C-alpha atoms as a PDB file:
ATOM      1  CA  MET A   1       0.000   0.000   0.000  1.00  0.00           C
ATOM      2  CA  ALA A   2       2.863   2.375   0.790  1.00  0.00           C
ATOM      3  CA  ALA A   3       4.342   1.748  -2.655  1.00  0.00           C
ATOM      4  CA  ASP A   4       0.986   2.587  -4.261  1.00  0.00           C
ATOM      5  CA  GLN A   5       0.785   5.825  -2.308  1.00  0.00           C
ATOM      6  CA  ARG A   6       4.350   6.741  -3.317  1.00  0.00           C
ATOM      7  CA  ALA A   7       3.469   6.126  -6.976  1.00  0.00           C
ATOM      8  CA  ILE A   8       0.542   8.524  -6.601  1.00  0.00           C
ATOM      9  CA  ASP A   9       2.761  11.120  -4.913  1.00  0.00           C
ATOM     10  CA  VAL A  10       5.263  10.888  -7.779  1.00  0.00           C
ATOM     11  CA  ASP A  11       2.626  11.235 -10.497  1.00  0.00           C
ATOM     12  CA  PRO A  12      -0.860  12.051  -9.166  1.00  0.00           C
ATOM     13  CA  GLU A  13      -2.241  12.349 -12.699  1.00  0.00           C
ATOM     14  CA  ARG A  14      -1.850   8.600 -13.480  1.00  0.00           C
ATOM     15  CA  ALA A  15      -4.945   6.484 -12.918  1.00  0.00           C
ATOM     16  CA  VAL A  16      -3.326   3.062 -12.460  1.00  0.00           C
ATOM     17  CA  PRO A  17      -1.786   3.706  -9.022  1.00  0.00           C
ATOM     18  CA  TYR A  18      -5.219   4.666  -7.670  1.00  0.00           C
ATOM     19  CA  VAL A  19      -6.620   1.311  -8.800  1.00  0.00           C
ATOM     20  CA  ASN A  20      -3.667  -0.463  -7.207  1.00  0.00           C
ATOM     21  CA  LEU A  21      -4.221   1.486  -3.999  1.00  0.00           C
ATOM     22  CA  GLY A  22      -7.890   0.527  -4.048  1.00  0.00           C
ATOM     23  CA  ASN A  23      -6.955  -3.143  -4.404  1.00  0.00           C
ATOM     24  CA  SER A  24      -4.684  -2.856  -1.374  1.00  0.00           C
ATOM     25  CA  LEU A  25      -7.253  -1.022   0.728  1.00  0.00           C
ATOM     26  CA  ILE A  26     -10.060  -3.474  -0.001  1.00  0.00           C
ATOM     27  CA  GLU A  27      -8.127  -6.186   1.812  1.00  0.00           C
ATOM     28  CA  LEU A  28      -8.360  -3.942   4.884  1.00  0.00           C
ATOM     29  CA  GLU A  29     -12.136  -3.490   4.308  1.00  0.00           C
ATOM     30  CA  ARG A  30     -11.719   0.292   4.064  1.00  0.00           C
ATOM     31  CA  LEU A  31     -14.524   0.608   1.535  1.00  0.00           C
ATOM     32  CA  ASP A  32     -14.882   4.390   1.685  1.00  0.00           C
ATOM     33  CA  ASP A  33     -11.195   4.814   0.922  1.00  0.00           C
ATOM     34  CA  VAL A  34     -11.367   2.198  -1.826  1.00  0.00           C
ATOM     35  CA  ALA A  35     -14.286   3.983  -3.460  1.00  0.00           C
ATOM     36  CA  ALA A  36     -12.465   7.329  -3.218  1.00  0.00           C
ATOM     37  CA  ALA A  37      -9.337   5.890  -4.865  1.00  0.00           C
ATOM     38  CA  LEU A  38     -11.314   4.284  -7.668  1.00  0.00           C
ATOM     39  CA  GLN A  39     -13.379   7.418  -8.183  1.00  0.00           C
ATOM     40  CA  MET A  40     -10.152   9.336  -8.655  1.00  0.00           C
ATOM     41  CA  ALA A  41      -8.987   6.715 -11.168  1.00  0.00           C
ATOM     42  CA  VAL A  42     -12.084   7.074 -13.351  1.00  0.00           C
ATOM     43  CA  GLU A  43     -11.928  10.853 -13.112  1.00  0.00           C
ATOM     44  CA  LEU A  44      -8.401  10.732 -14.467  1.00  0.00           C
ATOM     45  CA  ARG A  45      -9.228   8.100 -17.093  1.00  0.00           C
ATOM     46  CA  ASP A  46     -12.852   7.849 -18.092  1.00  0.00           C
ATOM     47  CA  ASP A  47     -12.001   4.917 -20.388  1.00  0.00           C
ATOM     48  CA  PHE A  48     -10.466   2.748 -17.619  1.00  0.00           C
ATOM     49  CA  ALA A  49     -12.807  -0.251 -17.713  1.00  0.00           C
ATOM     50  CA  LEU A  50     -11.192  -2.113 -14.810  1.00  0.00           C
ATOM     51  CA  ALA A  51     -11.519   0.899 -12.546  1.00  0.00           C
ATOM     52  CA  TRP A  52     -15.223   1.258 -13.407  1.00  0.00           C
ATOM     53  CA  HIS A  53     -15.740  -2.457 -12.807  1.00  0.00           C
ATOM     54  CA  ASN A  54     -14.027  -2.381  -9.412  1.00  0.00           C
ATOM     55  CA  LEU A  55     -15.886   0.786  -8.479  1.00  0.00           C
ATOM     56  CA  GLY A  56     -19.196  -0.876  -9.269  1.00  0.00           C
ATOM     57  CA  GLN A  57     -18.368  -3.786  -6.969  1.00  0.00           C
ATOM     58  CA  VAL A  58     -17.359  -1.529  -4.085  1.00  0.00           C
ATOM     59  CA  LEU A  59     -20.402   0.701  -4.465  1.00  0.00           C
ATOM     60  CA  ARG A  60     -22.636  -2.387  -4.339  1.00  0.00           C
ATOM     61  CA  GLN A  61     -20.961  -3.456  -1.098  1.00  0.00           C
ATOM     62  CA  GLN A  62     -21.649   0.025   0.266  1.00  0.00           C
ATOM     63  CA  GLY A  63     -25.309  -0.264  -0.702  1.00  0.00           C
ATOM     64  CA  LYS A  64     -25.044   2.577  -3.227  1.00  0.00           C
ATOM     65  CA  LEU A  65     -26.906   0.561  -5.811  1.00  0.00           C
ATOM     66  CA  ASP A  66     -27.849   3.219  -8.362  1.00  0.00           C
ATOM     67  CA  GLN A  67     -24.215   4.315  -8.576  1.00  0.00           C
ATOM     68  CA  ALA A  68     -23.055   0.688  -8.704  1.00  0.00           C
ATOM     69  CA  ILE A  69     -25.420   0.016 -11.606  1.00  0.00           C
ATOM     70  CA  ALA A  70     -24.121   3.054 -13.499  1.00  0.00           C
ATOM     71  CA  ALA A  71     -20.493   2.001 -12.931  1.00  0.00           C
ATOM     72  CA  SER A  72     -21.133  -1.555 -14.142  1.00  0.00           C
ATOM     73  CA  LYS A  73     -22.885  -0.245 -17.242  1.00  0.00           C
ATOM     74  CA  LYS A  74     -19.893   1.980 -17.962  1.00  0.00           C
ATOM     75  CA  ALA A  75     -17.524  -0.993 -17.595  1.00  0.00           C
ATOM     76  CA  ILE A  76     -19.681  -2.982 -20.028  1.00  0.00           C
ATOM     77  CA  GLN A  77     -19.746  -0.110 -22.490  1.00  0.00           C
ATOM     78  CA  LEU A  78     -15.951   0.052 -22.463  1.00  0.00           C
ATOM     79  CA  ARG A  79     -15.233  -3.697 -22.516  1.00  0.00           C
ATOM     80  CA  PRO A  80     -18.358  -5.588 -23.642  1.00  0.00           C
ATOM     81  CA  GLU A  81     -16.404  -8.837 -24.012  1.00  0.00           C
ATOM     82  CA  ARG A  82     -15.804  -9.166 -20.261  1.00  0.00           C
ATOM     83  CA  TRP A  83     -18.328 -11.281 -18.370  1.00  0.00           C
ATOM     84  CA  LEU A  84     -17.985 -10.168 -14.762  1.00  0.00           C
ATOM     85  CA  PRO A  85     -19.472  -6.665 -15.173  1.00  0.00           C
ATOM     86  CA  TYR A  86     -22.632  -8.263 -16.607  1.00  0.00           C
ATOM     87  CA  ARG A  87     -23.013 -10.403 -13.500  1.00  0.00           C
ATOM     88  CA  ASP A  88     -22.278  -7.416 -11.289  1.00  0.00           C
ATOM     89  CA  LEU A  89     -24.933  -5.433 -13.125  1.00  0.00           C
ATOM     90  CA  ALA A  90     -27.516  -8.190 -12.715  1.00  0.00           C
ATOM     91  CA  SER A  91     -26.636  -8.573  -9.016  1.00  0.00           C
ATOM     92  CA  SER A  92     -26.945  -4.855  -8.324  1.00  0.00           C
ATOM     93  CA  LEU A  93     -30.239  -4.654 -10.199  1.00  0.00           C
ATOM     94  CA  LEU A  94     -31.584  -7.579  -8.158  1.00  0.00           C
ATOM     95  CA  LEU A  95     -30.524  -5.929  -4.911  1.00  0.00           C
ATOM     96  CA  ALA A  96     -32.126  -2.668  -6.052  1.00  0.00           C
ATOM     97  CA  GLY A  97     -35.502  -4.375  -6.078  1.00  0.00           C
ATOM     98  CA  GLY A  98     -35.625  -5.944  -9.512  1.00  0.00           C
ATOM     99  CA  ARG A  99     -37.439  -3.075 -11.178  1.00  0.00           C
ATOM    100  CA  ASN A 100     -36.712  -4.373 -14.679  1.00  0.00           C
ATOM    101  CA  ALA A 101     -36.728  -8.164 -14.862  1.00  0.00           C
ATOM    102  CA  ALA A 102     -35.983  -8.180 -18.590  1.00  0.00           C
ATOM    103  CA  GLU A 103     -32.830  -6.085 -18.112  1.00  0.00           C
ATOM    104  CA  ILE A 104     -31.659  -8.318 -15.262  1.00  0.00           C
ATOM    105  CA  CYS A 105     -32.236 -11.478 -17.294  1.00  0.00           C
ATOM    106  CA  SER A 106     -30.402  -9.996 -20.263  1.00  0.00           C
ATOM    107  CA  ALA A 107     -27.338  -9.103 -18.176  1.00  0.00           C
ATOM    108  CA  ALA A 108     -27.282 -12.466 -16.397  1.00  0.00           C
ATOM    109  CA  GLU A 109     -27.715 -14.382 -19.648  1.00  0.00           C
ATOM    110  CA  ARG A 110     -24.820 -12.485 -21.191  1.00  0.00           C
ATOM    111  CA  ALA A 111     -22.590 -13.346 -18.223  1.00  0.00           C
ATOM    112  CA  VAL A 112     -23.412 -17.045 -18.660  1.00  0.00           C
ATOM    113  CA  GLU A 113     -22.885 -16.832 -22.405  1.00  0.00           C
ATOM    114  CA  LEU A 114     -19.421 -15.351 -21.924  1.00  0.00           C
ATOM    115  CA  GLU A 115     -18.433 -17.601 -18.986  1.00  0.00           C
ATOM    116  CA  PRO A 116     -20.626 -20.726 -18.795  1.00  0.00           C
ATOM    117  CA  ASP A 117     -18.405 -22.537 -16.285  1.00  0.00           C
ATOM    118  CA  ASP A 118     -18.894 -20.137 -13.388  1.00  0.00           C
ATOM    119  CA  ALA A 119     -21.439 -21.379 -10.837  1.00  0.00           C
ATOM    120  CA  MET A 120     -22.231 -17.895  -9.546  1.00  0.00           C
ATOM    121  CA  ASN A 121     -23.220 -16.783 -13.040  1.00  0.00           C
ATOM    122  CA  HIS A 122     -25.855 -19.516 -13.148  1.00  0.00           C
ATOM    123  CA  LEU A 123     -26.992 -18.707  -9.611  1.00  0.00           C
ATOM    124  CA  VAL A 124     -27.582 -15.062 -10.527  1.00  0.00           C
ATOM    125  CA  LEU A 125     -29.303 -16.164 -13.726  1.00  0.00           C
ATOM    126  CA  GLY A 126     -31.596 -18.393 -11.677  1.00  0.00           C
ATOM    127  CA  GLU A 127     -32.515 -15.475  -9.428  1.00  0.00           C
ATOM    128  CA  ALA A 128     -33.193 -13.342 -12.506  1.00  0.00           C
ATOM    129  CA  TYR A 129     -35.480 -16.012 -13.957  1.00  0.00           C
ATOM    130  CA  ARG A 130     -37.218 -16.421 -10.588  1.00  0.00           C
ATOM    131  CA  LEU A 131     -37.966 -12.702 -10.566  1.00  0.00           C
ATOM    132  CA  ALA A 132     -39.277 -12.923 -14.125  1.00  0.00           C
ATOM    133  CA  ARG A 133     -41.489 -15.890 -13.124  1.00  0.00           C
ATOM    134  CA  ARG A 134     -39.665 -18.131 -15.593  1.00  0.00           C
ATOM    135  CA  LYS A 135     -39.788 -20.929 -13.060  1.00  0.00           C
ATOM    136  CA  GLN A 136     -38.558 -23.914 -15.036  1.00  0.00           C
ATOM    137  CA  GLU A 137     -35.653 -21.913 -16.425  1.00  0.00           C
ATOM    138  CA  ALA A 138     -34.817 -20.783 -12.888  1.00  0.00           C
ATOM    139  CA  ILE A 139     -34.715 -24.375 -11.696  1.00  0.00           C
ATOM    140  CA  ALA A 140     -32.506 -25.355 -14.630  1.00  0.00           C
ATOM    141  CA  ALA A 141     -30.113 -22.497 -13.850  1.00  0.00           C
ATOM    142  CA  PHE A 142     -29.912 -23.430 -10.178  1.00  0.00           C
ATOM    143  CA  ARG A 143     -29.300 -27.075 -11.111  1.00  0.00           C
ATOM    144  CA  LYS A 144     -26.441 -26.016 -13.380  1.00  0.00           C
ATOM    145  CA  ALA A 145     -24.993 -23.916 -10.568  1.00  0.00           C
ATOM    146  CA  ARG A 146     -25.176 -26.972  -8.312  1.00  0.00           C
ATOM    147  CA  GLU A 147     -23.483 -29.120 -10.943  1.00  0.00           C
ATOM    148  CA  LEU A 148     -20.612 -26.635 -11.090  1.00  0.00           C
ATOM    149  CA  HIS A 149     -20.449 -26.042  -7.319  1.00  0.00           C
ATOM    150  CA  PRO A 150     -22.123 -28.967  -5.533  1.00  0.00           C
ATOM    151  CA  ASP A 151     -21.047 -27.836  -2.066  1.00  0.00           C
ATOM    152  CA  SER A 152     -22.512 -24.342  -2.173  1.00  0.00           C
ATOM    153  CA  HIS A 153     -24.982 -23.753   0.641  1.00  0.00           C
ATOM    154  CA  VAL A 154     -26.423 -20.729  -1.185  1.00  0.00           C
ATOM    155  CA  VAL A 155     -26.994 -22.612  -4.443  1.00  0.00           C
ATOM    156  CA  LEU A 156     -28.723 -25.500  -2.673  1.00  0.00           C
ATOM    157  CA  LEU A 157     -30.932 -23.128  -0.687  1.00  0.00           C
ATOM    158  CA  SER A 158     -31.973 -21.244  -3.828  1.00  0.00           C
ATOM    159  CA  LEU A 159     -32.704 -24.506  -5.615  1.00  0.00           C
ATOM    160  CA  GLY A 160     -34.683 -25.841  -2.671  1.00  0.00           C
ATOM    161  CA  LYS A 161     -36.812 -22.698  -2.433  1.00  0.00           C
ATOM    162  CA  MET A 162     -37.587 -22.768  -6.143  1.00  0.00           C
ATOM    163  CA  LEU A 163     -38.522 -26.448  -6.046  1.00  0.00           C
ATOM    164  CA  MET A 164     -40.777 -25.755  -3.062  1.00  0.00           C
ATOM    165  CA  ALA A 165     -42.568 -23.074  -5.042  1.00  0.00           C
ATOM    166  CA  GLU A 166     -43.292 -25.707  -7.686  1.00  0.00           C
ATOM    167  CA  LYS A 167     -44.415 -28.245  -5.035  1.00  0.00           C
ATOM    168  CA  ARG A 168     -41.668 -30.657  -6.012  1.00  0.00           C
ATOM    169  CA  TRP A 169     -41.413 -31.691  -2.412  1.00  0.00           C
ATOM    170  CA  ASP A 170     -38.963 -34.597  -2.518  1.00  0.00           C
ATOM    171  CA  GLU A 171     -36.435 -32.730  -4.634  1.00  0.00           C
ATOM    172  CA  ALA A 172     -36.824 -29.604  -2.523  1.00  0.00           C
ATOM    173  CA  GLU A 173     -36.317 -31.544   0.696  1.00  0.00           C
ATOM    174  CA  GLU A 174     -33.160 -33.178  -0.620  1.00  0.00           C
ATOM    175  CA  ALA A 175     -31.682 -29.803  -1.599  1.00  0.00           C
ATOM    176  CA  LEU A 176     -32.605 -28.157   1.710  1.00  0.00           C
ATOM    177  CA  ARG A 177     -31.257 -31.011   3.808  1.00  0.00           C
ATOM    178  CA  LYS A 178     -27.996 -30.898   1.876  1.00  0.00           C
ATOM    179  CA  SER A 179     -27.876 -27.136   2.424  1.00  0.00           C
ATOM    180  CA  ILE A 180     -28.285 -27.667   6.176  1.00  0.00           C
ATOM    181  CA  GLU A 181     -25.649 -30.382   6.139  1.00  0.00           C
ATOM    182  CA  LEU A 182     -23.211 -27.884   4.645  1.00  0.00           C
ATOM    183  CA  ARG A 183     -24.212 -25.080   7.012  1.00  0.00           C
ATOM    184  CA  PRO A 184     -25.855 -26.537  10.143  1.00  0.00           C
ATOM    185  CA  ASN A 185     -26.305 -23.138  11.801  1.00  0.00           C
ATOM    186  CA  SER A 186     -28.356 -21.645   8.954  1.00  0.00           C
ATOM    187  CA  ARG A 187     -31.642 -20.715  10.602  1.00  0.00           C
ATOM    188  CA  TYR A 188     -33.187 -19.767   7.278  1.00  0.00           C
ATOM    189  CA  SER A 189     -32.482 -23.154   5.686  1.00  0.00           C
ATOM    190  CA  ARG A 190     -33.922 -24.908   8.742  1.00  0.00           C
ATOM    191  CA  HIS A 191     -36.955 -22.641   8.643  1.00  0.00           C
ATOM    192  CA  LYS A 192     -37.606 -23.445   4.962  1.00  0.00           C
ATOM    193  CA  LEU A 193     -37.269 -27.170   5.655  1.00  0.00           C
ATOM    194  CA  GLY A 194     -39.683 -26.837   8.578  1.00  0.00           C
ATOM    195  CA  VAL A 195     -42.205 -25.078   6.347  1.00  0.00           C
ATOM    196  CA  LEU A 196     -41.872 -27.832   3.749  1.00  0.00           C
ATOM    197  CA  LEU A 197     -42.452 -30.553   6.354  1.00  0.00           C
ATOM    198  CA  TYR A 198     -45.433 -28.686   7.819  1.00  0.00           C
ATOM    199  CA  MET A 199     -47.002 -28.262   4.382  1.00  0.00           C
ATOM    200  CA  ASN A 200     -46.673 -31.997   3.889  1.00  0.00           C
ATOM    201  CA  HIS A 201     -48.330 -32.779   7.263  1.00  0.00           C
ATOM    202  CA  ARG A 202     -45.117 -34.083   8.801  1.00  0.00           C
ATOM    203  CA  LEU A 203     -45.679 -32.117  11.971  1.00  0.00           C
ATOM    204  CA  GLU A 204     -43.468 -34.083  14.337  1.00  0.00           C
ATOM    205  CA  GLU A 205     -40.503 -33.718  11.986  1.00  0.00           C
ATOM    206  CA  ALA A 206     -41.267 -30.036  11.435  1.00  0.00           C
ATOM    207  CA  CYS A 207     -41.163 -29.370  15.182  1.00  0.00           C
ATOM    208  CA  SER A 208     -38.061 -31.433  15.889  1.00  0.00           C
END
């Protein structure tokens, strides 16, 4: 971090050292300082796609979703061949309340198209399809995410919830129990399993 700061002191008009400083600061969880460094980078170089991408991620962590969305869109505009900004855009749009399901699906689909072997891409795509009420496609996306990352508590929980919504009880129970096995202290997973058991009149199991 000291080297990054020295590089800035030597030439404060170069954008790259600010990005490097931001990368160092994020390990210390100093998000405000990270955002400030990255903001300086994009002010110095409006065409710095990596800086816009990183800024979008940090702004999302700060809960500044409208700004995060704008930063991700700028990163996509500059480097449309990169997949991660599409996923970041879809994630920020989902967190912002999913006001435009079609836009979220489009961004998530593009991320999967560009990088089909990333489990998180399929997870975000599943959430986008769930929002758009494309239920079977959501299930398929969650299943693909599970195939790529079979030990993800989050993937199994999302799959279990979606299967519950479709009343595919046995499959939902299997996914939820596996989710609990991976994260025994997850109250939400246990709650969803309890609801499933109650809905299937398995009251003793639901209360255990």
